């Protein structure tokens, strides 16, 4: 991450991993670098171990972007129960935007 935003490489890796799960319209919220560069980085912070939330129009998932067995992967991928989510308002706002065609990939 750079300046609090996903790098182009991170965004592309996440886009590919989500496409494999059939998710093409989404917003990433709460992306947080976890202090470790992942393989393939050409400069510090280009591809980092990071956690965050993937929001679709109907569902939200928590994830960690990581490296395992020679490939980028989502570690700790799980659906979020909105009734227990600390960032519920942000998730609902993103879902409403996605339902109205405002994607922020």
N, C-alpha and C. Protein backbone atom coordinates (compact mmCIF):
# COMPACT_ATOMS: atom_id res chain seq x y z
N UNK A 1 0.85 -1.18 0.00
CA UNK A 1 0.00 0.00 0.00
C UNK A 1 0.89 1.24 0.00
N UNK A 2 0.39 2.29 -0.60
CA UNK A 2 1.11 3.55 -0.66
C UNK A 2 0.13 4.67 -0.32
N UNK A 3 0.44 5.48 0.67
CA UNK A 3 -0.41 6.61 1.02
C UNK A 3 -1.81 6.20 1.42
N UNK A 4 -1.95 5.03 2.04
CA UNK A 4 -3.26 4.57 2.49
C UNK A 4 -4.12 3.95 1.41
N UNK A 5 -3.57 3.80 0.21
CA UNK A 5 -4.32 3.23 -0.93
C UNK A 5 -3.62 1.96 -1.42
N UNK A 6 -4.41 1.07 -2.00
CA UNK A 6 -3.83 -0.11 -2.64
C UNK A 6 -2.95 0.33 -3.80
N UNK A 7 -1.84 -0.34 -4.00
CA UNK A 7 -1.04 -0.08 -5.19
C UNK A 7 -1.74 -0.73 -6.38
N UNK A 8 -1.32 -0.36 -7.58
CA UNK A 8 -1.90 -0.96 -8.79
C UNK A 8 -1.70 -2.47 -8.80
N UNK A 9 -0.53 -2.92 -8.35
CA UNK A 9 -0.25 -4.37 -8.30
C UNK A 9 -1.16 -5.07 -7.31
N UNK A 10 -1.34 -4.50 -6.11
CA UNK A 10 -2.23 -5.11 -5.11
C UNK A 10 -3.66 -5.17 -5.63
N UNK A 11 -4.12 -4.07 -6.22
CA UNK A 11 -5.48 -4.02 -6.75
C UNK A 11 -5.68 -5.07 -7.84
N UNK A 12 -4.67 -5.24 -8.70
CA UNK A 12 -4.76 -6.24 -9.76
C UNK A 12 -4.78 -7.66 -9.24
N UNK A 13 -3.97 -7.94 -8.24
CA UNK A 13 -3.94 -9.28 -7.64
C UNK A 13 -5.28 -9.58 -6.98
N UNK A 14 -5.80 -8.62 -6.23
CA UNK A 14 -7.09 -8.80 -5.58
C UNK A 14 -8.19 -8.99 -6.62
N UNK A 15 -8.16 -8.21 -7.69
CA UNK A 15 -9.15 -8.34 -8.77
C UNK A 15 -9.13 -9.76 -9.34
N UNK A 16 -7.94 -10.31 -9.59
CA UNK A 16 -7.82 -11.66 -10.14
C UNK A 16 -8.34 -12.71 -9.16
N UNK A 17 -7.99 -12.57 -7.88
CA UNK A 17 -8.45 -13.53 -6.88
C UNK A 17 -9.96 -13.49 -6.72
N UNK A 18 -10.53 -12.29 -6.78
CA UNK A 18 -11.99 -12.17 -6.66
C UNK A 18 -12.69 -12.74 -7.89
N UNK A 19 -12.12 -12.51 -9.08
CA UNK A 19 -12.71 -13.04 -10.31
C UNK A 19 -12.80 -14.57 -10.24
N UNK A 20 -11.79 -15.21 -9.64
CA UNK A 20 -11.83 -16.67 -9.48
C UNK A 20 -12.99 -17.11 -8.59
N UNK A 21 -13.47 -16.20 -7.74
CA UNK A 21 -14.62 -16.49 -6.86
C UNK A 21 -15.92 -15.98 -7.48
N UNK A 22 -15.85 -15.48 -8.71
CA UNK A 22 -17.04 -14.99 -9.39
C UNK A 22 -17.46 -13.59 -8.96
N UNK A 23 -16.57 -12.87 -8.31
CA UNK A 23 -16.87 -11.52 -7.83
C UNK A 23 -16.19 -10.51 -8.74
N UNK A 24 -17.00 -9.70 -9.43
CA UNK A 24 -16.42 -8.70 -10.33
C UNK A 24 -16.83 -7.27 -9.97
N UNK A 25 -17.93 -7.10 -9.26
CA UNK A 25 -18.36 -5.77 -8.80
C UNK A 25 -18.21 -5.73 -7.30
N UNK A 26 -17.30 -4.88 -6.83
CA UNK A 26 -16.98 -4.86 -5.41
C UNK A 26 -16.33 -3.54 -5.03
N UNK A 27 -16.20 -3.36 -3.75
CA UNK A 27 -15.42 -2.26 -3.20
C UNK A 27 -14.59 -2.83 -2.06
N UNK A 28 -13.35 -2.38 -1.95
CA UNK A 28 -12.48 -2.77 -0.84
C UNK A 28 -12.54 -1.64 0.19
N UNK A 29 -12.85 -1.98 1.42
CA UNK A 29 -12.83 -0.98 2.48
C UNK A 29 -11.92 -1.47 3.61
N UNK A 30 -11.40 -0.55 4.35
CA UNK A 30 -10.59 -0.88 5.52
C UNK A 30 -9.30 -1.61 5.23
N UNK A 31 -8.74 -1.44 4.04
CA UNK A 31 -7.48 -2.13 3.72
C UNK A 31 -6.38 -1.62 4.64
N UNK A 32 -5.69 -2.57 5.27
CA UNK A 32 -4.68 -2.24 6.27
C UNK A 32 -3.41 -3.04 6.01
N UNK A 33 -2.26 -2.38 5.81
CA UNK A 33 -1.01 -3.12 5.64
C UNK A 33 -0.63 -3.78 6.97
N UNK A 34 -0.10 -4.99 6.88
CA UNK A 34 0.24 -5.75 8.08
C UNK A 34 1.75 -5.87 8.30
N UNK A 35 2.53 -5.03 7.58
CA UNK A 35 3.96 -4.92 7.89
C UNK A 35 4.90 -5.91 7.24
N UNK A 36 4.47 -6.53 6.16
CA UNK A 36 5.35 -7.50 5.49
C UNK A 36 5.15 -7.40 3.98
N UNK A 37 6.26 -7.23 3.24
CA UNK A 37 6.18 -7.26 1.78
C UNK A 37 6.05 -8.71 1.32
N UNK A 38 5.24 -8.91 0.30
CA UNK A 38 5.07 -10.24 -0.27
C UNK A 38 5.98 -10.41 -1.49
N UNK A 39 6.26 -11.65 -1.87
CA UNK A 39 7.10 -11.89 -3.05
C UNK A 39 6.52 -11.18 -4.29
N UNK A 40 7.43 -10.73 -5.15
CA UNK A 40 7.02 -10.07 -6.38
C UNK A 40 7.08 -8.55 -6.29
N UNK A 41 7.29 -8.02 -5.10
CA UNK A 41 7.39 -6.57 -4.94
C UNK A 41 8.66 -6.07 -5.59
N UNK A 42 8.55 -4.98 -6.35
CA UNK A 42 9.74 -4.39 -6.95
C UNK A 42 10.22 -3.18 -6.14
N UNK A 43 9.41 -2.75 -5.17
CA UNK A 43 9.81 -1.70 -4.23
C UNK A 43 9.06 -1.93 -2.92
N UNK A 44 9.56 -1.35 -1.84
CA UNK A 44 8.94 -1.52 -0.53
C UNK A 44 7.48 -1.09 -0.56
N UNK A 45 6.61 -1.96 -0.08
CA UNK A 45 5.20 -1.64 0.01
C UNK A 45 4.40 -1.85 -1.26
N UNK A 46 5.02 -2.36 -2.33
CA UNK A 46 4.26 -2.53 -3.58
C UNK A 46 3.20 -3.62 -3.44
N UNK A 47 3.59 -4.75 -2.85
CA UNK A 47 2.64 -5.84 -2.62
C UNK A 47 2.84 -6.27 -1.17
N UNK A 48 1.89 -5.93 -0.33
CA UNK A 48 2.04 -6.21 1.10
C UNK A 48 1.01 -7.22 1.59
N UNK A 49 1.41 -7.92 2.65
CA UNK A 49 0.45 -8.67 3.43
C UNK A 49 -0.54 -7.63 3.94
N UNK A 50 -1.82 -7.79 3.61
CA UNK A 50 -2.79 -6.79 4.06
C UNK A 50 -4.11 -7.45 4.38
N UNK A 51 -4.86 -6.78 5.24
CA UNK A 51 -6.20 -7.24 5.60
C UNK A 51 -7.20 -6.18 5.17
N UNK A 52 -8.45 -6.59 5.04
CA UNK A 52 -9.48 -5.64 4.66
C UNK A 52 -10.81 -6.33 4.50
N UNK A 53 -11.74 -5.61 3.89
CA UNK A 53 -13.09 -6.11 3.66
C UNK A 53 -13.45 -5.93 2.19
N UNK A 54 -13.93 -7.00 1.58
CA UNK A 54 -14.47 -6.95 0.23
C UNK A 54 -15.98 -6.82 0.37
N UNK A 55 -16.53 -5.78 -0.22
CA UNK A 55 -17.97 -5.55 -0.15
C UNK A 55 -18.57 -5.74 -1.54
N UNK A 56 -19.62 -6.58 -1.62
CA UNK A 56 -20.40 -6.71 -2.85
C UNK A 56 -21.77 -6.08 -2.56
N UNK A 57 -22.63 -6.05 -3.55
CA UNK A 57 -23.95 -5.43 -3.38
C UNK A 57 -24.78 -6.13 -2.31
N UNK A 58 -24.46 -7.39 -2.01
CA UNK A 58 -25.28 -8.16 -1.07
C UNK A 58 -24.52 -8.76 0.11
N UNK A 59 -23.20 -8.82 0.04
CA UNK A 59 -22.42 -9.53 1.04
C UNK A 59 -21.11 -8.79 1.30
N UNK A 60 -20.51 -9.06 2.45
CA UNK A 60 -19.19 -8.53 2.76
C UNK A 60 -18.33 -9.68 3.30
N UNK A 61 -17.04 -9.64 2.97
CA UNK A 61 -16.10 -10.68 3.39
C UNK A 61 -14.86 -10.03 3.98
N UNK A 62 -14.37 -10.60 5.06
CA UNK A 62 -13.07 -10.16 5.56
C UNK A 62 -12.01 -11.03 4.89
N UNK A 63 -10.84 -10.47 4.68
CA UNK A 63 -9.78 -11.22 4.02
C UNK A 63 -8.41 -10.72 4.45
N UNK A 64 -7.43 -11.55 4.21
CA UNK A 64 -6.02 -11.17 4.27
C UNK A 64 -5.43 -11.57 2.92
N UNK A 65 -4.73 -10.66 2.26
CA UNK A 65 -3.98 -10.99 1.05
C UNK A 65 -2.64 -11.52 1.52
N UNK A 66 -2.29 -12.73 1.08
CA UNK A 66 -1.06 -13.36 1.54
C UNK A 66 -0.43 -14.14 0.39
N UNK A 67 0.67 -14.80 0.68
CA UNK A 67 1.40 -15.62 -0.27
C UNK A 67 1.52 -17.01 0.34
N UNK A 68 1.11 -18.04 -0.40
CA UNK A 68 1.24 -19.41 0.10
C UNK A 68 1.43 -20.35 -1.10
N UNK A 69 2.30 -21.30 -0.93
CA UNK A 69 2.54 -22.33 -1.95
C UNK A 69 2.82 -21.73 -3.33
N UNK A 70 3.58 -20.64 -3.35
CA UNK A 70 4.02 -20.04 -4.60
C UNK A 70 3.02 -19.16 -5.31
N UNK A 71 1.96 -18.74 -4.61
CA UNK A 71 0.95 -17.90 -5.26
C UNK A 71 0.29 -16.97 -4.25
N UNK A 72 -0.25 -15.87 -4.77
CA UNK A 72 -1.04 -14.98 -3.92
C UNK A 72 -2.35 -15.66 -3.59
N UNK A 73 -2.85 -15.43 -2.40
CA UNK A 73 -4.07 -16.08 -1.95
C UNK A 73 -4.80 -15.23 -0.93
N UNK A 74 -6.07 -15.50 -0.76
CA UNK A 74 -6.82 -14.92 0.35
C UNK A 74 -6.73 -15.88 1.52
N UNK A 75 -6.17 -15.41 2.58
CA UNK A 75 -6.10 -16.18 3.81
C UNK A 75 -7.18 -15.59 4.72
N UNK A 76 -7.82 -16.41 5.50
CA UNK A 76 -8.85 -15.95 6.44
C UNK A 76 -10.00 -15.27 5.69
N UNK A 77 -10.48 -15.89 4.64
CA UNK A 77 -11.63 -15.37 3.88
C UNK A 77 -12.89 -15.84 4.59
N UNK A 78 -13.71 -14.91 5.05
CA UNK A 78 -14.97 -15.32 5.67
C UNK A 78 -16.03 -14.25 5.49
N UNK A 79 -17.28 -14.70 5.40
CA UNK A 79 -18.40 -13.79 5.27
C UNK A 79 -18.62 -13.06 6.59
N UNK A 80 -18.94 -11.79 6.49
CA UNK A 80 -19.16 -10.95 7.68
C UNK A 80 -20.64 -10.91 8.01
N UNK A 81 -20.97 -11.13 9.27
CA UNK A 81 -22.34 -10.96 9.76
C UNK A 81 -22.52 -9.47 10.05
N UNK A 82 -23.35 -8.80 9.24
CA UNK A 82 -23.52 -7.36 9.39
C UNK A 82 -24.01 -6.96 10.77
N UNK A 83 -24.76 -7.82 11.42
CA UNK A 83 -25.27 -7.50 12.76
C UNK A 83 -24.16 -7.42 13.79
N UNK A 84 -23.00 -8.02 13.48
CA UNK A 84 -21.88 -8.00 14.41
C UNK A 84 -20.69 -7.18 13.90
N UNK A 85 -20.83 -6.58 12.74
CA UNK A 85 -19.72 -5.85 12.12
C UNK A 85 -19.50 -4.50 12.80
N UNK A 86 -18.25 -4.21 13.12
CA UNK A 86 -17.89 -2.92 13.70
C UNK A 86 -18.00 -1.79 12.68
N UNK A 87 -17.79 -2.13 11.40
CA UNK A 87 -17.84 -1.13 10.33
C UNK A 87 -19.13 -1.26 9.50
N UNK A 88 -20.22 -1.62 10.15
CA UNK A 88 -21.50 -1.87 9.48
C UNK A 88 -21.92 -0.69 8.61
N UNK A 89 -21.84 0.54 9.13
CA UNK A 89 -22.28 1.71 8.36
C UNK A 89 -21.48 1.86 7.07
N UNK A 90 -20.18 1.65 7.14
CA UNK A 90 -19.33 1.76 5.95
C UNK A 90 -19.66 0.66 4.94
N UNK A 91 -19.93 -0.55 5.43
CA UNK A 91 -20.29 -1.66 4.55
C UNK A 91 -21.62 -1.37 3.85
N UNK A 92 -22.62 -0.94 4.61
CA UNK A 92 -23.94 -0.65 4.04
C UNK A 92 -23.84 0.48 3.01
N UNK A 93 -23.05 1.50 3.31
CA UNK A 93 -22.87 2.61 2.36
C UNK A 93 -22.25 2.10 1.06
N UNK A 94 -21.24 1.24 1.17
CA UNK A 94 -20.59 0.69 -0.02
C UNK A 94 -21.58 -0.19 -0.80
N UNK A 95 -22.38 -0.98 -0.09
CA UNK A 95 -23.36 -1.83 -0.77
C UNK A 95 -24.39 -0.99 -1.52
N UNK A 96 -24.84 0.09 -0.92
CA UNK A 96 -25.80 0.96 -1.58
C UNK A 96 -25.19 1.57 -2.85
N UNK A 97 -23.94 1.99 -2.76
CA UNK A 97 -23.27 2.52 -3.93
C UNK A 97 -23.14 1.49 -5.04
N UNK A 98 -22.82 0.25 -4.67
CA UNK A 98 -22.69 -0.82 -5.66
C UNK A 98 -24.03 -1.13 -6.31
N UNK A 99 -25.10 -1.08 -5.55
CA UNK A 99 -26.43 -1.34 -6.11
C UNK A 99 -26.84 -0.26 -7.11
N UNK A 100 -26.24 0.92 -6.95
CA UNK A 100 -26.55 2.04 -7.86
C UNK A 100 -25.48 2.20 -8.94
N UNK A 101 -24.64 1.18 -9.09
CA UNK A 101 -23.67 1.17 -10.18
C UNK A 101 -22.37 1.90 -9.92
N UNK A 102 -22.09 2.23 -8.67
CA UNK A 102 -20.84 2.94 -8.33
C UNK A 102 -19.83 1.94 -7.80
N UNK A 103 -18.99 1.40 -8.68
CA UNK A 103 -17.98 0.46 -8.25
C UNK A 103 -16.66 1.18 -8.04
N UNK A 104 -15.94 0.75 -7.02
CA UNK A 104 -14.64 1.32 -6.69
C UNK A 104 -13.66 0.16 -6.57
N UNK A 105 -13.19 -0.31 -7.69
CA UNK A 105 -12.29 -1.44 -7.66
C UNK A 105 -10.92 -0.90 -7.52
